[in-house]
Amino acid sequence: MSPKRDYYEVLGVRRDADERELKSNYRKIALKYHPDRNPGDKEAEESFKEAAEAYKVLSDPEKRRIYDQFGHEGLSGMNGGGAGGFEDIFSSFGDIFEEFFGFRGGRRSQSSMMRGADLRYDLSIDFMDAAFGIETEIEVEKMVVCPTCGGTGARPGSEPEICRQCGGTGQYVRTQGFFSVKSTCPNCRGEGKIITDPCPECRGRQRVVDTKKVSLKIPAGVDNGSKLRLAEEGEPGMNGGPAGDLYVFIRVEPHEYFERRNNDIICKVELSFVQASLGEKVNVPTLEGEESLTIPAGTQYGDTFRLPGHGFPSLRTNIRGDQIVQVELKTPKHLNKRQEELLREFSKIESEKFTTRIKKLFKSGNAKAAK
């Protein structure tokens, strides 16, 4: 009989390896040499057992201390100095094999609980509802427990029969060498029962499609793409498992006057040439209604004015952003005779002012040159 290899060498770790490194390396080796992946390969089975034995010792602080001090001899006679049978391996490391191979401790529960599926609902709301929040109802189509059979899948008055292939355990045993592997029964799919007289409404599926009204409170300040989670409003779980969640994705409709930028809103206001030149008080729309805004004389195209606290509320702090008013100049298209005369006169004055400035510049330049 060949001598046992060093446990640290088997797992490919240093002697000061921590639990996390031990477990990570053992997972890789167990996945590589698992008998289901290497049917009929005796060497793979031995490597699988060897790695299980090494991990069983090194993952136990007391056994590891003894092994580090006395080696394999120190573990002689102790429970855990060998890997044991296949069932023993699974009972010791069920959490690891559940992650990779889908079962725990070599056994599945006869009716394992399953969480219900999550659902998505896309909801469009008005710009103002996004600003101030709204309570509404939505209708969600989802699978629900069949009301006729109560979720058994069998016709009322009848009962599912015990699966003859697995005897109601939901498992069947497959032997590989000296290992025994338990897997989900393919006949009943792990349920342990067979429906011979299915429910006429759900046809044995245990669930049916139904439409349910769900109350929804949308907080003030939501934006495009905001996602609301309604716990356990998704599809129901199986075999007593919890229901899934409902995720509502928000789309905010555009507004006629306002445009959102983070928590600020942008509003464009058209002014005439005269209003921008002379200044004037104008009424501008806000989320709460009209607000008076003083436009100073000499306002230019693109100038902005800020109304503090007139924007959207923050979802986190509830502090509102600002409203930014952008000025656009409106050029009249149809002038009467008097308007045209006044504008020409204004243009003439502006031209004379420009000519005067140019002359002053030339005089100033000539005077400097003469010096």
Protein backbone atom coordinates (compact mmCIF):
# COMPACT_ATOMS: atom_id res chain seq x y z
CA MET A 1 0.00 0.00 0.00
CA SER A 2 1.47 3.36 -1.05
CA PRO A 3 2.05 5.87 1.77
CA LYS A 4 -0.41 8.69 2.21
CA ARG A 5 0.49 11.98 0.63
CA ASP A 6 0.87 15.10 2.72
CA TYR A 7 -2.58 16.72 3.15
CA TYR A 8 -1.28 20.18 2.28
CA GLU A 9 0.22 18.78 -0.90
CA VAL A 10 -3.08 17.07 -1.78
CA LEU A 11 -4.96 20.37 -1.58
CA GLY A 12 -2.11 22.37 -3.14
CA VAL A 13 -1.85 24.92 -0.31
CA ARG A 14 0.88 26.23 2.00
CA ARG A 15 1.02 25.01 5.59
CA ASP A 16 -0.18 28.41 6.82
CA ALA A 17 -3.20 28.46 4.50
CA ASP A 18 -6.37 29.85 6.05
CA GLU A 19 -9.86 28.28 5.97
CA ARG A 20 -10.88 30.31 2.93
CA GLU A 21 -7.93 29.06 0.85
CA LEU A 22 -8.46 25.47 2.00
CA LYS A 23 -12.11 25.53 1.03
CA SER A 24 -11.46 27.22 -2.33
CA ASN A 25 -8.83 24.66 -3.38
CA TYR A 26 -10.92 21.75 -2.15
CA ARG A 27 -13.89 22.94 -4.21
CA LYS A 28 -11.78 22.99 -7.36
CA ILE A 29 -10.43 19.48 -6.77
CA ALA A 30 -13.84 18.06 -5.81
CA LEU A 31 -15.38 19.54 -8.95
CA LYS A 32 -12.60 18.14 -11.13
CA TYR A 33 -12.65 14.57 -9.76
CA HIS A 34 -16.32 14.15 -8.85
CA PRO A 35 -17.52 10.64 -9.92
CA ASP A 36 -20.45 12.09 -11.87
CA ARG A 37 -17.94 13.86 -14.10
CA ASN A 38 -15.63 10.85 -14.31
CA PRO A 39 -17.86 7.77 -14.57
CA GLY A 40 -15.89 4.52 -14.23
CA ASP A 41 -12.58 6.33 -13.56
CA LYS A 42 -11.12 4.67 -10.45
CA GLU A 43 -8.19 7.08 -10.26
CA ALA A 44 -10.59 10.06 -10.20
CA GLU A 45 -12.57 8.39 -7.40
CA GLU A 46 -9.40 7.90 -5.37
CA SER A 47 -8.33 11.52 -5.93
CA PHE A 48 -11.80 12.64 -4.91
CA LYS A 49 -11.64 10.63 -1.68
CA GLU A 50 -8.06 11.76 -0.99
CA ALA A 51 -9.01 15.45 -1.28
CA ALA A 52 -12.08 14.92 0.94
CA GLU A 53 -9.95 13.26 3.59
CA ALA A 54 -7.37 16.06 3.50
CA TYR A 55 -9.98 18.79 3.78
CA LYS A 56 -11.82 16.98 6.57
CA VAL A 57 -8.66 17.04 8.67
CA LEU A 58 -7.29 20.47 7.80
CA SER A 59 -10.64 22.22 8.17
CA ASP A 60 -10.91 20.96 11.78
CA PRO A 61 -8.64 23.13 14.02
CA GLU A 62 -7.97 20.33 16.56
CA LYS A 63 -7.25 17.65 13.95
CA ARG A 64 -5.08 20.07 12.02
CA ARG A 65 -3.06 20.87 15.16
CA ILE A 66 -2.46 17.15 15.79
CA TYR A 67 -1.60 16.53 12.15
CA ASP A 68 0.87 19.44 12.06
CA GLN A 69 2.61 18.07 15.17
CA PHE A 70 2.51 14.28 14.64
CA GLY A 71 1.56 13.74 10.99
CA HIS A 72 -0.70 10.90 9.80
CA GLU A 73 0.28 8.71 12.76
CA GLY A 74 -1.15 11.23 15.19
CA LEU A 75 -4.60 10.79 13.63
CA SER A 76 -4.61 7.00 13.79
CA GLY A 77 -7.68 5.73 15.57
CA MET A 78 -9.44 9.12 15.41
CA ASN A 79 -12.72 9.50 13.57
CA GLY A 80 -11.82 11.62 10.60
CA GLY A 81 -8.41 10.16 9.77
CA GLY A 82 -9.98 8.71 6.63
CA ALA A 83 -12.52 9.87 4.13
CA GLY A 84 -14.97 7.01 4.67
CA GLY A 85 -17.62 6.15 2.09
CA PHE A 86 -19.23 8.39 -0.43
CA GLU A 87 -22.21 9.07 1.83
CA ASP A 88 -19.82 10.08 4.61
CA ILE A 89 -18.15 12.59 2.32
CA PHE A 90 -21.45 14.21 1.50
CA SER A 91 -22.62 14.31 5.10
CA SER A 92 -19.41 16.11 6.07
CA PHE A 93 -19.28 18.61 3.21
CA GLY A 94 -22.89 19.03 2.15
CA ASP A 95 -22.63 22.80 1.82
CA ILE A 96 -19.83 22.49 -0.73
CA PHE A 97 -21.57 19.85 -2.84
CA GLU A 98 -24.86 21.69 -2.72
CA GLU A 99 -23.16 24.63 -4.43
CA PHE A 100 -21.68 22.54 -7.25
CA PHE A 101 -23.97 19.55 -7.68
CA GLY A 102 -27.36 20.75 -6.46
CA PHE A 103 -27.92 18.54 -3.40
CA ARG A 104 -27.10 18.64 0.30
CA GLY A 105 -25.79 15.81 2.43
CA GLY A 106 -26.39 13.42 -0.49
CA ARG A 107 -30.17 13.89 -0.16
CA ARG A 108 -32.82 16.25 -1.44
CA SER A 109 -35.85 17.03 0.62
CA GLN A 110 -38.94 15.31 -0.71
CA SER A 111 -40.53 18.63 -1.64
CA SER A 112 -37.83 21.31 -1.64
CA MET A 113 -39.13 24.83 -1.26
CA MET A 114 -38.67 27.12 -4.24
CA ARG A 115 -38.89 30.91 -4.25
CA GLY A 116 -41.36 32.39 -6.72
CA ALA A 117 -40.23 34.28 -9.81
CA ASP A 118 -39.73 38.05 -9.73
CA LEU A 119 -41.92 40.12 -12.04
CA ARG A 120 -41.39 43.38 -13.93
CA TYR A 121 -44.00 46.06 -14.61
CA ASP A 122 -43.35 49.16 -16.76
CA LEU A 123 -45.34 52.21 -15.66
CA SER A 124 -45.58 55.61 -17.37
CA ILE A 125 -46.49 58.57 -15.16
CA ASP A 126 -47.13 62.27 -15.70
CA PHE A 127 -44.31 64.80 -15.17
CA MET A 128 -46.24 66.47 -12.34
CA ASP A 129 -46.91 63.11 -10.63
CA ALA A 130 -43.17 62.49 -10.67
CA ALA A 131 -42.60 65.87 -9.03
CA PHE A 132 -45.14 65.50 -6.23
CA GLY A 133 -45.66 61.73 -5.94
CA ILE A 134 -48.83 59.74 -6.43
CA GLU A 135 -50.71 56.77 -5.03
CA THR A 136 -52.20 54.52 -7.68
CA GLU A 137 -53.20 50.96 -8.50
CA ILE A 138 -51.73 48.73 -11.18
CA GLU A 139 -53.01 45.45 -12.56
CA VAL A 140 -50.39 42.71 -12.67
CA GLU A 141 -50.82 39.44 -14.54
CA LYS A 142 -49.08 36.57 -12.77
CA MET A 143 -49.27 32.92 -11.80
CA VAL A 144 -51.27 32.19 -8.64
CA VAL A 145 -52.13 29.03 -6.71
CA CYS A 146 -54.98 27.25 -8.47
CA PRO A 147 -58.19 28.01 -6.55
CA THR A 148 -59.85 24.78 -7.68
CA CYS A 149 -57.29 22.26 -6.39
CA GLY A 150 -55.58 24.48 -3.82
CA GLY A 151 -52.22 23.91 -5.46
CA THR A 152 -52.19 20.10 -5.32
CA GLY A 153 -52.56 19.77 -9.08
CA ALA A 154 -55.07 16.93 -8.61
CA ARG A 155 -58.79 16.96 -9.37
CA PRO A 156 -60.81 17.89 -6.24
CA GLY A 157 -61.71 14.69 -4.38
CA SER A 158 -58.68 12.80 -5.68
CA GLU A 159 -55.14 12.56 -4.34
CA PRO A 160 -51.75 12.27 -6.05
CA GLU A 161 -50.27 8.76 -5.98
CA ILE A 162 -46.94 7.80 -4.43
CA CYS A 163 -44.28 7.51 -7.12
CA ARG A 164 -43.57 3.81 -7.70
CA GLN A 165 -40.06 4.40 -8.99
CA CYS A 166 -38.69 6.16 -5.92
CA GLY A 167 -41.27 5.02 -3.35
CA GLY A 168 -42.16 8.59 -2.49
CA THR A 169 -38.64 9.69 -1.55
CA GLY A 170 -38.16 11.86 -4.65
CA GLN A 171 -34.73 10.24 -5.17
CA TYR A 172 -33.13 7.26 -6.82
CA VAL A 173 -29.80 5.67 -5.96
CA ARG A 174 -27.09 5.08 -8.54
CA THR A 175 -24.02 2.99 -7.65
CA GLN A 176 -20.55 3.86 -8.95
CA GLY A 177 -17.96 1.40 -7.74
CA PHE A 178 -18.26 1.42 -3.98
CA PHE A 179 -20.00 4.82 -3.96
CA SER A 180 -23.76 5.34 -3.84
CA VAL A 181 -25.05 8.54 -5.45
CA LYS A 182 -28.56 9.79 -4.77
CA SER A 183 -30.18 11.92 -7.47
CA THR A 184 -33.59 13.43 -8.16
CA CYS A 185 -36.10 10.88 -9.38
CA PRO A 186 -36.75 11.55 -13.10
CA ASN A 187 -40.24 10.04 -12.91
CA CYS A 188 -41.72 12.41 -10.32
CA ARG A 189 -39.00 15.14 -10.59
CA GLY A 190 -38.28 14.95 -6.89
CA GLU A 191 -41.88 15.43 -5.76
CA GLY A 192 -42.35 11.85 -4.59
CA LYS A 193 -45.88 11.86 -6.02
CA ILE A 194 -47.53 11.44 -9.42
CA ILE A 195 -50.75 13.19 -10.42
CA THR A 196 -52.89 10.61 -12.21
CA ASP A 197 -56.13 12.65 -12.28
CA PRO A 198 -55.10 16.27 -12.93
CA CYS A 199 -57.15 19.30 -11.95
CA PRO A 200 -59.34 20.44 -14.87
CA GLU A 201 -58.51 24.11 -14.30
CA CYS A 202 -54.72 24.05 -13.95
CA ARG A 203 -54.20 20.66 -15.70
CA GLY A 204 -51.91 19.48 -12.95
CA ARG A 205 -49.64 22.54 -13.06
CA GLN A 206 -50.84 23.65 -9.59
CA ARG A 207 -51.02 27.31 -10.69
CA VAL A 208 -53.05 29.43 -13.09
CA VAL A 209 -52.70 32.90 -14.61
CA ASP A 210 -54.65 35.64 -12.87
CA THR A 211 -54.73 39.44 -12.77
CA LYS A 212 -54.25 41.12 -9.41
CA LYS A 213 -54.59 44.78 -8.43
CA VAL A 214 -51.61 46.09 -6.52
CA SER A 215 -51.53 49.40 -4.64
CA LEU A 216 -48.46 51.49 -5.41
CA LYS A 217 -47.11 54.61 -3.71
CA ILE A 218 -44.73 56.54 -5.97
CA PRO A 219 -42.57 58.96 -3.98
CA ALA A 220 -42.04 62.57 -5.04
CA GLY A 221 -38.87 63.06 -7.08
CA VAL A 222 -38.77 59.81 -9.08
CA ASP A 223 -37.04 60.02 -12.45
CA ASN A 224 -36.89 58.01 -15.65
CA GLY A 225 -35.55 54.55 -14.90
CA SER A 226 -36.41 54.67 -11.19
CA LYS A 227 -37.16 51.18 -9.89
CA LEU A 228 -39.59 50.38 -7.09
CA ARG A 229 -39.52 46.99 -5.36
CA LEU A 230 -42.70 45.53 -3.90
CA ALA A 231 -41.71 42.60 -1.70
CA GLU A 232 -43.52 39.30 -2.29
CA GLU A 233 -45.82 40.74 -4.97
CA GLY A 234 -44.26 38.47 -7.60
CA GLU A 235 -45.29 34.93 -8.39
CA PRO A 236 -45.96 32.55 -5.48
CA GLY A 237 -43.30 30.05 -4.42
CA MET A 238 -43.54 26.29 -4.78
CA ASN A 239 -43.89 23.82 -1.92
CA GLY A 240 -44.25 26.57 0.67
CA GLY A 241 -41.44 28.74 -0.69
CA PRO A 242 -41.69 32.55 -0.44
CA ALA A 243 -43.19 34.62 -3.23
CA GLY A 244 -40.95 36.59 -5.57
CA ASP A 245 -40.86 40.39 -5.75
CA LEU A 246 -42.46 42.83 -8.16
CA TYR A 247 -40.20 45.49 -9.70
CA VAL A 248 -41.93 48.56 -11.13
CA PHE A 249 -39.84 50.54 -13.62
CA ILE A 250 -40.89 54.19 -13.97
CA ARG A 251 -41.02 56.20 -17.18
CA VAL A 252 -41.78 59.92 -16.77
CA GLU A 253 -43.66 61.55 -19.64
CA PRO A 254 -42.11 64.76 -21.06
CA HIS A 255 -43.67 68.12 -20.16
CA GLU A 256 -44.78 70.92 -22.44
CA TYR A 257 -42.73 73.63 -20.68
CA PHE A 258 -40.31 71.96 -18.29
CA GLU A 259 -37.22 69.86 -18.77
CA ARG A 260 -35.60 68.07 -15.84
CA ARG A 261 -31.85 68.23 -15.17
CA ASN A 262 -30.97 66.27 -12.02
CA ASN A 263 -33.27 67.91 -9.45
CA ASP A 264 -33.41 71.27 -11.27
CA ILE A 265 -35.97 72.07 -13.95
CA ILE A 266 -35.33 74.19 -17.02
CA CYS A 267 -37.98 76.54 -18.37
CA LYS A 268 -37.56 78.70 -21.50
CA VAL A 269 -39.27 82.09 -21.62
CA GLU A 270 -39.66 84.16 -24.77
CA LEU A 271 -39.14 87.92 -24.48
CA SER A 272 -39.57 90.62 -27.06
CA PHE A 273 -36.68 92.89 -28.03
CA VAL A 274 -38.35 95.72 -26.14
CA GLN A 275 -38.88 93.67 -22.95
CA ALA A 276 -35.26 92.51 -22.94
CA SER A 277 -33.99 96.03 -23.62
CA LEU A 278 -36.10 97.98 -21.15
CA GLY A 279 -36.65 95.27 -18.52
CA GLU A 280 -40.02 94.11 -17.26
CA LYS A 281 -41.84 91.94 -14.75
CA VAL A 282 -43.15 88.76 -16.39
CA ASN A 283 -45.07 85.74 -15.16
CA VAL A 284 -43.32 82.41 -15.66
CA PRO A 285 -44.82 78.92 -15.14
CA THR A 286 -43.59 76.84 -12.19
CA LEU A 287 -44.59 73.44 -10.80
CA GLU A 288 -46.98 75.18 -8.39
CA GLY A 289 -48.36 77.75 -10.85
CA GLU A 290 -47.24 81.14 -12.21
CA GLU A 291 -44.53 83.15 -10.48
CA SER A 292 -43.52 86.79 -11.06
CA LEU A 293 -39.95 87.30 -12.30
CA THR A 294 -38.19 90.66 -12.78
CA ILE A 295 -36.26 90.86 -16.05
CA PRO A 296 -33.54 93.54 -15.79
CA ALA A 297 -32.91 96.03 -18.61
CA GLY A 298 -30.33 94.90 -21.13
CA THR A 299 -31.06 91.18 -20.79
CA GLN A 300 -29.38 89.17 -23.54
CA TYR A 301 -30.40 86.00 -25.37
CA GLY A 302 -29.42 82.93 -23.31
CA ASP A 303 -29.29 84.75 -19.97
CA THR A 304 -30.61 82.62 -17.11
CA PHE A 305 -32.43 83.40 -13.89
CA ARG A 306 -32.84 81.06 -10.94
CA LEU A 307 -35.89 80.45 -8.76
CA PRO A 308 -34.55 78.64 -5.67
CA GLY A 309 -36.53 75.68 -4.31
CA HIS A 310 -38.83 75.40 -7.32
CA GLY A 311 -37.39 72.16 -8.73
CA PHE A 312 -37.82 68.45 -7.94
CA PRO A 313 -37.38 67.09 -4.40
CA SER A 314 -34.43 64.79 -3.75
CA LEU A 315 -35.44 61.19 -3.05
CA ARG A 316 -32.83 61.04 -0.30
CA THR A 317 -33.09 64.40 1.44
CA ASN A 318 -36.42 65.76 0.14
CA ILE A 319 -34.61 69.08 -0.50
CA ARG A 320 -35.89 70.64 -3.70
CA GLY A 321 -33.75 71.77 -6.59
CA ASP A 322 -34.14 75.10 -8.42
CA GLN A 323 -35.98 76.28 -11.48
CA ILE A 324 -33.73 77.83 -14.11
CA VAL A 325 -35.38 80.27 -16.49
CA GLN A 326 -33.63 80.64 -19.85
CA VAL A 327 -34.31 83.75 -21.95
CA GLU A 328 -35.11 83.49 -25.64
CA LEU A 329 -35.71 86.58 -27.77
CA LYS A 330 -38.75 86.63 -29.99
CA THR A 331 -38.42 88.49 -33.31
CA PRO A 332 -41.73 89.86 -34.59
CA LYS A 333 -42.75 88.61 -38.04
CA HIS A 334 -45.39 91.16 -38.98
CA LEU A 335 -44.74 94.87 -38.30
CA ASN A 336 -47.17 97.69 -38.92
CA LYS A 337 -45.96 100.90 -40.52
CA ARG A 338 -45.41 102.77 -37.26
CA GLN A 339 -43.40 99.87 -35.74
CA GLU A 340 -41.24 99.71 -38.83
CA GLU A 341 -40.58 103.48 -38.70
CA LEU A 342 -39.57 103.31 -35.04
CA LEU A 343 -37.23 100.39 -35.63
CA ARG A 344 -35.58 102.13 -38.58
CA GLU A 345 -35.11 105.22 -36.47
CA PHE A 346 -33.63 103.09 -33.70
CA SER A 347 -31.33 101.40 -36.21
CA LYS A 348 -30.19 104.79 -37.51
CA ILE A 349 -29.34 105.95 -34.00
CA GLU A 350 -27.43 102.74 -33.30
CA SER A 351 -25.51 103.17 -36.55
CA GLU A 352 -24.60 106.75 -35.69
CA LYS A 353 -23.42 105.65 -32.25
CA PHE A 354 -21.27 102.98 -33.84
CA THR A 355 -19.78 105.48 -36.31
CA THR A 356 -19.01 107.92 -33.49
CA ARG A 357 -17.17 105.21 -31.54
CA ILE A 358 -15.09 104.28 -34.58
CA LYS A 359 -14.12 107.92 -35.16
CA LYS A 360 -13.06 108.29 -31.54
CA LEU A 361 -10.88 105.22 -31.87
CA PHE A 362 -9.15 106.60 -34.98
CA LYS A 363 -8.59 110.00 -33.37
CA SER A 364 -7.15 108.39 -30.33
CA GLY A 365 -4.88 106.22 -32.47
CA ASN A 366 -3.65 109.20 -34.58
CA ALA A 367 -2.94 111.25 -31.45
CA LYS A 368 -0.81 108.47 -30.00
CA ALA A 369 1.07 108.09 -33.31
CA ALA A 370 1.87 111.83 -33.46
CA LYS A 371 3.51 111.68 -30.05
